[in-house]
């Protein structure tokens, strides 16, 4: 299994740049709290295309920008 400590300095720098660019990601429960809706509603938003997210490790994650866009009514 590859772990962070096994990466070269260049790979570590690339990983840190990626993390900085990705920003904060929220899970379904956190997204529901931020949006003031239920977890089921968050999943309905995802299914309908109103909320963009990514599945990481089998769990949905949402970028803060996607949540803000939905709150503004742009979604």
Protein backbone atom coordinates (compact mmCIF):
# COMPACT_ATOMS: atom_id res chain seq x y z
CA UNK A 1 0.00 0.00 0.00
CA UNK A 2 1.33 3.42 -0.99
CA UNK A 3 1.42 5.96 1.81
CA UNK A 4 2.32 9.63 1.86
CA UNK A 5 5.68 8.95 3.50
CA UNK A 6 6.67 6.75 0.54
CA UNK A 7 6.24 9.55 -2.01
CA UNK A 8 9.14 11.43 -3.52
CA UNK A 9 9.49 15.12 -2.72
CA UNK A 10 8.11 16.00 -6.17
CA UNK A 11 5.10 13.72 -5.62
CA UNK A 12 4.50 15.22 -2.17
CA UNK A 13 4.63 18.74 -3.64
CA UNK A 14 2.16 17.74 -6.37
CA UNK A 15 -0.16 16.21 -3.77
CA UNK A 16 -0.03 19.39 -1.67
CA UNK A 17 -0.81 21.54 -4.73
CA UNK A 18 -3.76 19.29 -5.55
CA UNK A 19 -5.10 19.52 -1.99
CA UNK A 20 -4.81 23.31 -2.04
CA UNK A 21 -6.63 23.58 -5.37
CA UNK A 22 -9.37 21.14 -4.36
CA UNK A 23 -10.45 23.21 -1.37
CA UNK A 24 -12.75 21.88 1.29
CA UNK A 25 -15.08 19.00 0.54
CA UNK A 26 -18.24 18.26 2.52
CA UNK A 27 -20.03 14.94 2.99
CA UNK A 28 -23.78 14.44 2.51
CA UNK A 29 -24.63 15.14 6.15
CA UNK A 30 -22.55 18.32 6.23
CA UNK A 31 -24.07 19.47 2.93
CA UNK A 32 -27.56 18.91 4.35
CA UNK A 33 -26.72 21.02 7.41
CA UNK A 34 -25.25 23.81 5.28
CA UNK A 35 -28.23 23.83 2.92
CA UNK A 36 -30.78 23.45 5.70
CA UNK A 37 -32.37 20.39 4.12
CA UNK A 38 -32.50 16.65 4.80
CA UNK A 39 -29.92 14.12 3.63
CA UNK A 40 -32.59 12.68 1.33
CA UNK A 41 -33.09 16.11 -0.26
CA UNK A 42 -29.34 16.44 -0.86
CA UNK A 43 -29.38 13.08 -2.64
CA UNK A 44 -32.41 14.17 -4.68
CA UNK A 45 -30.46 17.28 -5.71
CA UNK A 46 -27.58 15.05 -6.84
CA UNK A 47 -29.88 12.70 -8.79
CA UNK A 48 -31.64 15.60 -10.49
CA UNK A 49 -28.35 17.32 -11.40
CA UNK A 50 -29.02 20.39 -9.24
CA UNK A 51 -25.99 19.65 -7.04
CA UNK A 52 -22.62 18.61 -8.44
CA UNK A 53 -20.60 16.18 -6.39
CA UNK A 54 -18.03 13.45 -6.62
CA UNK A 55 -18.03 9.97 -5.18
CA UNK A 56 -14.82 9.24 -3.27
CA UNK A 57 -14.42 5.87 -1.64
CA UNK A 58 -18.09 5.15 -2.28
CA UNK A 59 -19.27 8.29 -0.48
CA UNK A 60 -20.50 11.54 -1.98
CA UNK A 61 -18.46 14.72 -1.44
CA UNK A 62 -19.40 18.27 -2.37
CA UNK A 63 -17.20 21.29 -2.99
CA UNK A 64 -18.14 24.50 -1.19
CA UNK A 65 -18.59 26.26 -4.55
CA UNK A 66 -21.28 23.74 -5.59
CA UNK A 67 -23.17 24.32 -2.33
CA UNK A 68 -22.93 28.10 -2.74
CA UNK A 69 -24.13 27.86 -6.34
CA UNK A 70 -27.20 25.90 -5.24
CA UNK A 71 -27.93 28.34 -2.40
CA UNK A 72 -27.75 31.26 -4.86
CA UNK A 73 -30.27 29.51 -7.06
CA UNK A 74 -27.80 28.94 -9.88
CA UNK A 75 -28.22 25.18 -9.58
